[in-house]
Amino acid sequence: MKRALVLIAMFGLAAPAHADITHKLSSSVQLTVNSAATQATRIGSSYSVSGSGVATTDGTTANTISTGAITSGVMAPGNIAATQVTSGNAFSYSASYTQADAVPTSAVSVGDVANFGSMTSNAAGTAGSLAGTITSAGAMTLTAGGAGTQATGQFVTELTVR
């Protein structure tokens, strides 16, 4: 009887253990198929003439620089001739012209090359055999698709003991 009382007293005095345990599992699969995309930048016309000690003409009037004509958004500068004002004197003359991209009359189809100076075009991706799975044990299977696709898988386990 004495022994039983000692055992009951020992267990009655022992403090219970307290622990907070949190276990979290999360998984995700992201499958992406790119859409078709085209990016174009139209380049505008630019025309510049500069000089000193020269006389200019557009062929009809002396000391005149023609502005030319604009058709479909593209400038065609007039023909400019320059002659030295005084023979034997120093002179300088410079002319530069950048032709613009014509204004399109219809939309460009993906993969076509349009009349733009700066253009990037990508065809749509094809899913093909694109797939992804993650089991509750964290085993991951990702299968590549066709061109223009991406498969990303993630499995996260978190254990917190306090």
N, C-alpha and C. Protein backbone atom coordinates (compact mmCIF):
# COMPACT_ATOMS: atom_id res chain seq x y z
N MET A 1 0.82 -1.17 0.00
CA MET A 1 0.00 0.00 0.00
C MET A 1 0.87 1.24 0.00
N LYS A 2 1.94 1.13 0.74
CA LYS A 2 2.87 2.25 0.83
C LYS A 2 3.47 2.53 -0.55
N ARG A 3 3.77 1.44 -1.25
CA ARG A 3 4.35 1.60 -2.59
C ARG A 3 3.34 2.25 -3.53
N ALA A 4 2.13 1.89 -3.47
CA ALA A 4 1.10 2.45 -4.34
C ALA A 4 0.94 3.93 -4.08
N LEU A 5 1.01 4.34 -2.82
CA LEU A 5 0.90 5.76 -2.50
C LEU A 5 2.09 6.54 -3.02
N VAL A 6 3.27 5.94 -2.98
CA VAL A 6 4.48 6.61 -3.48
C VAL A 6 4.38 6.79 -4.99
N LEU A 7 3.92 5.77 -5.69
CA LEU A 7 3.78 5.86 -7.15
C LEU A 7 2.73 6.90 -7.53
N ILE A 8 1.62 6.91 -6.82
CA ILE A 8 0.58 7.90 -7.11
C ILE A 8 1.11 9.30 -6.82
N ALA A 9 1.87 9.47 -5.79
CA ALA A 9 2.43 10.78 -5.44
C ALA A 9 3.43 11.22 -6.50
N MET A 10 4.25 10.28 -7.01
CA MET A 10 5.26 10.63 -8.03
C MET A 10 4.59 11.08 -9.33
N PHE A 11 3.61 10.32 -9.77
CA PHE A 11 2.94 10.69 -11.02
C PHE A 11 2.08 11.93 -10.85
N GLY A 12 1.56 12.14 -9.70
CA GLY A 12 0.75 13.31 -9.42
C GLY A 12 1.57 14.58 -9.38
N LEU A 13 2.86 14.49 -9.03
CA LEU A 13 3.73 15.66 -8.95
C LEU A 13 4.41 15.99 -10.27
N ALA A 14 4.49 15.03 -11.18
CA ALA A 14 5.18 15.26 -12.45
C ALA A 14 4.36 16.22 -13.33
N ALA A 15 5.02 17.24 -13.88
CA ALA A 15 4.36 18.23 -14.74
C ALA A 15 4.17 17.64 -16.14
N PRO A 16 3.02 17.86 -16.73
CA PRO A 16 2.80 17.33 -18.09
C PRO A 16 3.66 18.10 -19.11
N ALA A 17 4.10 17.44 -20.17
CA ALA A 17 4.89 18.07 -21.23
C ALA A 17 3.94 18.75 -22.21
N HIS A 18 4.25 19.98 -22.59
CA HIS A 18 3.44 20.72 -23.55
C HIS A 18 4.33 21.09 -24.73
N ALA A 19 3.90 20.78 -25.96
CA ALA A 19 4.63 21.16 -27.17
C ALA A 19 3.62 21.42 -28.27
N ASP A 20 3.83 22.53 -28.97
CA ASP A 20 3.00 22.85 -30.14
C ASP A 20 3.79 22.44 -31.37
N ILE A 21 3.26 21.54 -32.16
CA ILE A 21 3.91 21.07 -33.38
C ILE A 21 2.98 21.40 -34.54
N THR A 22 3.53 22.07 -35.53
CA THR A 22 2.77 22.40 -36.73
C THR A 22 3.52 21.83 -37.93
N HIS A 23 2.82 21.12 -38.78
CA HIS A 23 3.42 20.55 -39.98
C HIS A 23 2.57 20.98 -41.17
N LYS A 24 3.20 21.65 -42.14
CA LYS A 24 2.47 22.15 -43.31
C LYS A 24 3.11 21.58 -44.57
N LEU A 25 2.29 21.17 -45.51
CA LEU A 25 2.73 20.69 -46.82
C LEU A 25 1.98 21.50 -47.87
N SER A 26 2.69 21.93 -48.87
CA SER A 26 2.01 22.60 -49.98
C SER A 26 2.73 22.25 -51.28
N SER A 27 1.97 22.16 -52.34
CA SER A 27 2.54 21.85 -53.64
C SER A 27 1.81 22.65 -54.70
N SER A 28 2.52 22.91 -55.79
CA SER A 28 1.89 23.62 -56.90
C SER A 28 2.58 23.25 -58.20
N VAL A 29 1.82 23.28 -59.27
CA VAL A 29 2.33 23.07 -60.62
C VAL A 29 1.79 24.20 -61.47
N GLN A 30 2.68 24.83 -62.23
CA GLN A 30 2.25 25.89 -63.15
C GLN A 30 2.64 25.48 -64.56
N LEU A 31 1.68 25.42 -65.45
CA LEU A 31 1.91 25.08 -66.85
C LEU A 31 1.57 26.30 -67.69
N THR A 32 2.49 26.71 -68.56
CA THR A 32 2.31 27.93 -69.34
C THR A 32 2.51 27.63 -70.82
N VAL A 33 1.59 28.13 -71.65
CA VAL A 33 1.73 28.07 -73.10
C VAL A 33 1.69 29.52 -73.59
N ASN A 34 2.77 29.97 -74.20
CA ASN A 34 2.85 31.36 -74.66
C ASN A 34 1.87 31.63 -75.80
N SER A 35 1.31 32.82 -75.79
CA SER A 35 0.44 33.23 -76.90
C SER A 35 1.28 33.86 -78.00
N ALA A 36 0.71 33.99 -79.16
CA ALA A 36 1.39 34.66 -80.26
C ALA A 36 1.54 36.14 -79.92
N ALA A 37 2.66 36.73 -80.32
CA ALA A 37 2.88 38.15 -80.03
C ALA A 37 3.75 38.78 -81.11
N THR A 38 3.42 40.00 -81.45
CA THR A 38 4.21 40.77 -82.40
C THR A 38 4.40 42.16 -81.84
N GLN A 39 5.64 42.63 -81.88
CA GLN A 39 5.95 43.98 -81.43
C GLN A 39 6.66 44.69 -82.57
N ALA A 40 6.14 45.85 -82.95
CA ALA A 40 6.72 46.59 -84.06
C ALA A 40 6.90 48.05 -83.67
N THR A 41 7.98 48.63 -84.16
CA THR A 41 8.24 50.05 -83.96
C THR A 41 8.43 50.68 -85.33
N ARG A 42 7.58 51.64 -85.67
CA ARG A 42 7.67 52.32 -86.95
C ARG A 42 8.72 53.42 -86.86
N ILE A 43 9.60 53.44 -87.84
CA ILE A 43 10.64 54.47 -87.91
C ILE A 43 10.15 55.60 -88.80
N GLY A 44 10.27 56.83 -88.33
CA GLY A 44 9.83 58.00 -89.09
C GLY A 44 10.93 58.56 -89.97
N SER A 45 10.53 59.42 -90.92
CA SER A 45 11.50 60.07 -91.82
C SER A 45 12.30 61.13 -91.09
N SER A 46 13.52 61.32 -91.55
CA SER A 46 14.31 62.42 -91.05
C SER A 46 15.18 62.93 -92.20
N TYR A 47 15.24 64.26 -92.34
CA TYR A 47 15.99 64.89 -93.42
C TYR A 47 16.72 66.09 -92.86
N SER A 48 18.00 66.19 -93.15
CA SER A 48 18.79 67.28 -92.59
C SER A 48 19.78 67.79 -93.64
N VAL A 49 19.85 69.10 -93.76
CA VAL A 49 20.82 69.74 -94.66
C VAL A 49 21.49 70.86 -93.89
N SER A 50 22.80 70.95 -93.97
CA SER A 50 23.50 72.07 -93.34
C SER A 50 24.72 72.42 -94.18
N GLY A 51 25.14 73.67 -94.07
CA GLY A 51 26.33 74.08 -94.83
C GLY A 51 26.63 75.55 -94.66
N SER A 52 27.79 75.90 -95.12
CA SER A 52 28.18 77.31 -95.16
C SER A 52 29.07 77.52 -96.38
N GLY A 53 28.93 78.69 -96.98
CA GLY A 53 29.72 79.01 -98.18
C GLY A 53 29.19 78.31 -99.42
N VAL A 54 27.93 77.87 -99.39
CA VAL A 54 27.34 77.21 -100.56
C VAL A 54 25.98 77.83 -100.85
N ALA A 55 25.58 77.77 -102.10
CA ALA A 55 24.24 78.18 -102.51
C ALA A 55 23.50 76.89 -102.86
N THR A 56 22.24 76.83 -102.50
CA THR A 56 21.46 75.61 -102.74
C THR A 56 20.32 75.91 -103.71
N THR A 57 19.89 74.87 -104.40
CA THR A 57 18.74 75.01 -105.28
C THR A 57 18.02 73.67 -105.37
N ASP A 58 16.71 73.73 -105.54
CA ASP A 58 15.94 72.51 -105.75
C ASP A 58 15.72 72.28 -107.24
N GLY A 59 16.42 73.04 -108.07
CA GLY A 59 16.31 72.90 -109.52
C GLY A 59 15.40 73.91 -110.16
N THR A 60 14.60 74.59 -109.34
CA THR A 60 13.69 75.59 -109.90
C THR A 60 13.98 76.98 -109.35
N THR A 61 14.42 77.07 -108.11
CA THR A 61 14.65 78.35 -107.47
C THR A 61 15.98 78.33 -106.74
N ALA A 62 16.82 79.34 -106.95
CA ALA A 62 18.12 79.42 -106.28
C ALA A 62 17.93 79.66 -104.80
N ASN A 63 18.89 79.12 -103.99
CA ASN A 63 18.90 79.26 -102.53
C ASN A 63 17.61 78.71 -101.89
N THR A 64 17.07 77.64 -102.46
CA THR A 64 15.86 77.02 -101.96
C THR A 64 16.11 75.54 -101.66
N ILE A 65 15.58 75.09 -100.54
CA ILE A 65 15.64 73.67 -100.20
C ILE A 65 14.22 73.17 -100.20
N SER A 66 13.92 72.21 -101.04
CA SER A 66 12.58 71.67 -101.17
C SER A 66 12.26 70.76 -100.00
N THR A 67 11.01 70.80 -99.56
CA THR A 67 10.59 69.90 -98.50
C THR A 67 10.20 68.54 -99.05
N GLY A 68 10.03 68.42 -100.35
CA GLY A 68 9.69 67.14 -100.95
C GLY A 68 8.22 66.83 -100.78
N ALA A 69 7.88 65.54 -100.89
CA ALA A 69 6.50 65.09 -100.81
C ALA A 69 6.40 63.93 -99.81
N ILE A 70 5.22 63.81 -99.20
CA ILE A 70 4.99 62.71 -98.26
C ILE A 70 3.87 61.84 -98.82
N THR A 71 4.16 60.53 -98.98
CA THR A 71 3.19 59.58 -99.48
C THR A 71 3.19 58.37 -98.57
N SER A 72 2.02 57.95 -98.10
CA SER A 72 1.87 56.80 -97.18
C SER A 72 2.74 56.95 -95.94
N GLY A 73 2.92 58.19 -95.48
CA GLY A 73 3.70 58.43 -94.28
C GLY A 73 5.20 58.44 -94.51
N VAL A 74 5.64 58.36 -95.78
CA VAL A 74 7.07 58.34 -96.10
C VAL A 74 7.41 59.61 -96.86
N MET A 75 8.44 60.32 -96.37
CA MET A 75 8.87 61.55 -97.02
C MET A 75 9.84 61.21 -98.15
N ALA A 76 9.65 61.86 -99.27
CA ALA A 76 10.60 61.78 -100.39
C ALA A 76 11.14 63.20 -100.58
N PRO A 77 12.35 63.46 -100.09
CA PRO A 77 12.87 64.84 -100.19
C PRO A 77 13.14 65.22 -101.64
N GLY A 78 13.04 66.51 -101.90
CA GLY A 78 13.35 66.99 -103.24
C GLY A 78 14.86 66.89 -103.48
N ASN A 79 15.24 66.98 -104.75
CA ASN A 79 16.67 66.94 -105.10
C ASN A 79 17.28 68.30 -104.83
N ILE A 80 18.34 68.33 -104.07
CA ILE A 80 19.01 69.58 -103.72
C ILE A 80 20.41 69.58 -104.34
N ALA A 81 20.71 70.67 -105.02
CA ALA A 81 22.05 70.85 -105.58
C ALA A 81 22.71 71.99 -104.82
N ALA A 82 23.99 71.84 -104.52
CA ALA A 82 24.73 72.88 -103.80
C ALA A 82 25.93 73.29 -104.64
N THR A 83 26.13 74.60 -104.75
CA THR A 83 27.30 75.12 -105.48
C THR A 83 28.04 76.08 -104.59
N GLN A 84 29.35 76.14 -104.77
CA GLN A 84 30.19 77.02 -103.94
C GLN A 84 29.87 78.47 -104.30
N VAL A 85 29.66 79.31 -103.28
CA VAL A 85 29.29 80.71 -103.50
C VAL A 85 30.44 81.48 -104.12
N THR A 86 31.63 81.40 -103.53
CA THR A 86 32.80 82.11 -104.03
C THR A 86 33.91 81.11 -104.26
N SER A 87 34.33 80.99 -105.50
CA SER A 87 35.39 80.03 -105.83
C SER A 87 36.64 80.32 -105.02
N GLY A 88 37.25 79.26 -104.49
CA GLY A 88 38.49 79.40 -103.73
C GLY A 88 38.28 79.60 -102.23
N ASN A 89 37.08 79.98 -101.81
CA ASN A 89 36.81 80.16 -100.38
C ASN A 89 36.45 78.80 -99.74
N ALA A 90 36.58 78.76 -98.44
CA ALA A 90 36.22 77.55 -97.70
C ALA A 90 34.70 77.37 -97.72
N PHE A 91 34.28 76.14 -97.75
CA PHE A 91 32.84 75.84 -97.69
C PHE A 91 32.64 74.47 -97.05
N SER A 92 31.42 74.24 -96.59
CA SER A 92 31.05 72.92 -96.09
C SER A 92 29.59 72.67 -96.45
N TYR A 93 29.26 71.40 -96.66
CA TYR A 93 27.90 71.04 -97.02
C TYR A 93 27.66 69.61 -96.55
N SER A 94 26.51 69.38 -95.94
CA SER A 94 26.17 68.05 -95.47
C SER A 94 24.67 67.83 -95.64
N ALA A 95 24.29 66.63 -96.06
CA ALA A 95 22.88 66.27 -96.19
C ALA A 95 22.72 64.81 -95.74
N SER A 96 21.66 64.56 -95.01
CA SER A 96 21.38 63.17 -94.61
C SER A 96 19.87 62.93 -94.66
N TYR A 97 19.51 61.67 -94.94
CA TYR A 97 18.11 61.31 -95.07
C TYR A 97 17.92 59.88 -94.56
N THR A 98 16.92 59.71 -93.71
CA THR A 98 16.51 58.38 -93.26
C THR A 98 15.08 58.18 -93.73
N GLN A 99 14.86 57.12 -94.50
CA GLN A 99 13.53 56.86 -95.03
C GLN A 99 12.67 56.19 -93.98
N ALA A 100 11.43 56.65 -93.86
CA ALA A 100 10.48 56.10 -92.89
C ALA A 100 9.92 54.77 -93.36
N ASP A 101 9.37 54.03 -92.40
CA ASP A 101 8.60 52.84 -92.72
C ASP A 101 7.23 53.31 -93.21
N ALA A 102 6.73 52.70 -94.28
CA ALA A 102 5.42 53.07 -94.80
C ALA A 102 4.34 52.71 -93.79
N VAL A 103 3.27 53.47 -93.77
CA VAL A 103 2.14 53.18 -92.89
C VAL A 103 1.42 51.96 -93.47
N PRO A 104 1.27 50.88 -92.69
CA PRO A 104 0.64 49.67 -93.23
C PRO A 104 -0.85 49.88 -93.48
N THR A 105 -1.37 49.15 -94.46
CA THR A 105 -2.80 49.26 -94.79
C THR A 105 -3.60 48.15 -94.13
N SER A 106 -2.93 47.13 -93.56
CA SER A 106 -3.63 46.05 -92.85
C SER A 106 -2.73 45.49 -91.76
N ALA A 107 -3.32 44.74 -90.85
CA ALA A 107 -2.57 44.17 -89.74
C ALA A 107 -1.62 43.09 -90.24
N VAL A 108 -0.53 42.91 -89.52
CA VAL A 108 0.47 41.91 -89.86
C VAL A 108 0.10 40.59 -89.22
N SER A 109 0.23 39.50 -89.94
CA SER A 109 0.00 38.17 -89.38
C SER A 109 1.25 37.72 -88.64
N VAL A 110 1.06 36.94 -87.57
CA VAL A 110 2.19 36.45 -86.79
C VAL A 110 3.10 35.64 -87.69
N GLY A 111 4.39 35.90 -87.58
CA GLY A 111 5.38 35.19 -88.37
C GLY A 111 5.73 35.91 -89.67
N ASP A 112 4.86 36.83 -90.13
CA ASP A 112 5.15 37.60 -91.33
C ASP A 112 6.13 38.72 -91.00
N VAL A 113 6.92 39.10 -91.96
CA VAL A 113 7.81 40.24 -91.78
C VAL A 113 7.16 41.43 -92.47
N ALA A 114 6.87 42.45 -91.70
CA ALA A 114 6.22 43.64 -92.24
C ALA A 114 7.27 44.67 -92.65
N ASN A 115 6.78 45.81 -93.10
CA ASN A 115 7.66 46.87 -93.58
C ASN A 115 8.09 47.81 -92.45
N PHE A 116 8.48 47.25 -91.30
CA PHE A 116 8.92 48.07 -90.18
C PHE A 116 10.41 47.89 -89.97
N GLY A 117 11.07 48.96 -89.55
CA GLY A 117 12.51 48.92 -89.32
C GLY A 117 12.89 48.13 -88.08
N SER A 118 11.98 47.98 -87.12
CA SER A 118 12.25 47.23 -85.89
C SER A 118 11.04 46.38 -85.57
N MET A 119 11.20 45.04 -85.64
CA MET A 119 10.05 44.16 -85.45
C MET A 119 10.47 42.83 -84.85
N THR A 120 9.68 42.34 -83.88
CA THR A 120 9.86 41.01 -83.29
C THR A 120 8.52 40.30 -83.33
N SER A 121 8.51 39.06 -83.85
CA SER A 121 7.27 38.31 -83.96
C SER A 121 7.51 36.89 -83.47
N ASN A 122 6.65 36.40 -82.56
CA ASN A 122 6.75 35.05 -82.02
C ASN A 122 5.45 34.31 -82.28
N ALA A 123 5.57 33.07 -82.76
CA ALA A 123 4.39 32.24 -82.98
C ALA A 123 3.87 31.73 -81.64
N ALA A 124 2.62 31.28 -81.62
CA ALA A 124 2.02 30.74 -80.40
C ALA A 124 2.70 29.42 -80.03
N GLY A 125 2.77 29.15 -78.73
CA GLY A 125 3.31 27.88 -78.25
C GLY A 125 2.33 26.76 -78.50
N THR A 126 2.83 25.52 -78.46
CA THR A 126 1.96 24.36 -78.61
C THR A 126 2.10 23.49 -77.37
N ALA A 127 0.97 23.17 -76.75
CA ALA A 127 0.99 22.42 -75.49
C ALA A 127 1.63 21.06 -75.67
N GLY A 128 1.35 20.37 -76.76
CA GLY A 128 1.93 19.05 -76.98
C GLY A 128 1.64 18.14 -75.79
N SER A 129 2.67 17.58 -75.18
CA SER A 129 2.50 16.68 -74.03
C SER A 129 2.76 17.39 -72.71
N LEU A 130 2.62 18.71 -72.67
CA LEU A 130 2.86 19.50 -71.46
C LEU A 130 1.98 19.00 -70.32
N ALA A 131 2.62 18.62 -69.20
CA ALA A 131 1.86 18.11 -68.05
C ALA A 131 2.70 18.22 -66.80
N GLY A 132 2.04 18.15 -65.64
CA GLY A 132 2.75 18.18 -64.37
C GLY A 132 1.90 17.62 -63.25
N THR A 133 2.51 16.80 -62.40
CA THR A 133 1.82 16.25 -61.23
C THR A 133 2.77 16.23 -60.05
N ILE A 134 2.19 16.33 -58.84
CA ILE A 134 2.95 16.21 -57.60
C ILE A 134 2.11 15.34 -56.66
N THR A 135 2.72 14.27 -56.14
CA THR A 135 1.99 13.40 -55.23
C THR A 135 2.06 13.97 -53.81
N SER A 136 1.24 13.40 -52.90
CA SER A 136 1.25 13.86 -51.51
C SER A 136 2.59 13.55 -50.84
N ALA A 137 3.38 12.63 -51.40
CA ALA A 137 4.71 12.33 -50.87
C ALA A 137 5.76 13.29 -51.41
N GLY A 138 5.37 14.17 -52.33
CA GLY A 138 6.29 15.16 -52.88
C GLY A 138 6.96 14.72 -54.16
N ALA A 139 6.61 13.56 -54.69
CA ALA A 139 7.19 13.10 -55.96
C ALA A 139 6.63 13.97 -57.09
N MET A 140 7.52 14.53 -57.89
CA MET A 140 7.13 15.49 -58.91
C MET A 140 7.42 14.92 -60.29
N THR A 141 6.47 15.09 -61.21
CA THR A 141 6.66 14.69 -62.60
C THR A 141 6.25 15.85 -63.48
N LEU A 142 7.21 16.39 -64.23
CA LEU A 142 6.93 17.48 -65.17
C LEU A 142 7.31 17.00 -66.56
N THR A 143 6.41 17.19 -67.52
CA THR A 143 6.64 16.74 -68.88
C THR A 143 6.69 17.95 -69.79
N ALA A 144 7.78 18.05 -70.56
CA ALA A 144 7.96 19.19 -71.47
C ALA A 144 6.91 19.17 -72.56
N GLY A 145 6.48 20.34 -72.97
CA GLY A 145 5.53 20.47 -74.06
C GLY A 145 6.28 20.85 -75.32
N GLY A 146 5.57 21.45 -76.25
CA GLY A 146 6.19 21.90 -77.49
C GLY A 146 6.87 23.25 -77.29
N ALA A 147 7.26 23.86 -78.39
CA ALA A 147 7.93 25.16 -78.34
C ALA A 147 7.01 26.19 -77.70
N GLY A 148 7.59 27.13 -76.97
CA GLY A 148 6.82 28.21 -76.34
C GLY A 148 6.05 27.78 -75.12
N THR A 149 6.53 26.73 -74.40
CA THR A 149 5.85 26.27 -73.19
C THR A 149 6.82 26.25 -72.02
N GLN A 150 6.25 26.19 -70.81
CA GLN A 150 7.05 26.14 -69.60
C GLN A 150 6.28 25.37 -68.53
N ALA A 151 6.98 24.48 -67.81
CA ALA A 151 6.38 23.74 -66.70
C ALA A 151 7.22 23.98 -65.46
N THR A 152 6.57 24.39 -64.36
CA THR A 152 7.26 24.66 -63.10
C THR A 152 6.52 23.93 -61.99
N GLY A 153 7.27 23.18 -61.17
CA GLY A 153 6.66 22.48 -60.04
C GLY A 153 7.36 22.86 -58.75
N GLN A 154 6.60 22.83 -57.65
CA GLN A 154 7.16 23.20 -56.35
C GLN A 154 6.48 22.37 -55.26
N PHE A 155 7.29 21.83 -54.34
CA PHE A 155 6.77 21.12 -53.17
C PHE A 155 7.47 21.68 -51.94
N VAL A 156 6.71 22.15 -50.96
CA VAL A 156 7.27 22.77 -49.76
C VAL A 156 6.76 22.03 -48.53
N THR A 157 7.67 21.69 -47.63
CA THR A 157 7.27 21.11 -46.35
C THR A 157 7.84 21.99 -45.24
N GLU A 158 7.02 22.24 -44.21
CA GLU A 158 7.42 23.11 -43.12
C GLU A 158 7.05 22.44 -41.80
N LEU A 159 8.00 22.36 -40.89
CA LEU A 159 7.77 21.76 -39.58
C LEU A 159 8.19 22.78 -38.51
N THR A 160 7.26 23.11 -37.61
CA THR A 160 7.52 24.08 -36.54
C THR A 160 7.25 23.41 -35.21
N VAL A 161 8.24 23.45 -34.31
CA VAL A 161 8.08 22.91 -32.96
C VAL A 161 8.30 24.05 -31.99
N ARG A 162 7.34 24.27 -31.06
CA ARG A 162 7.46 25.35 -30.08
C ARG A 162 7.35 24.81 -28.70
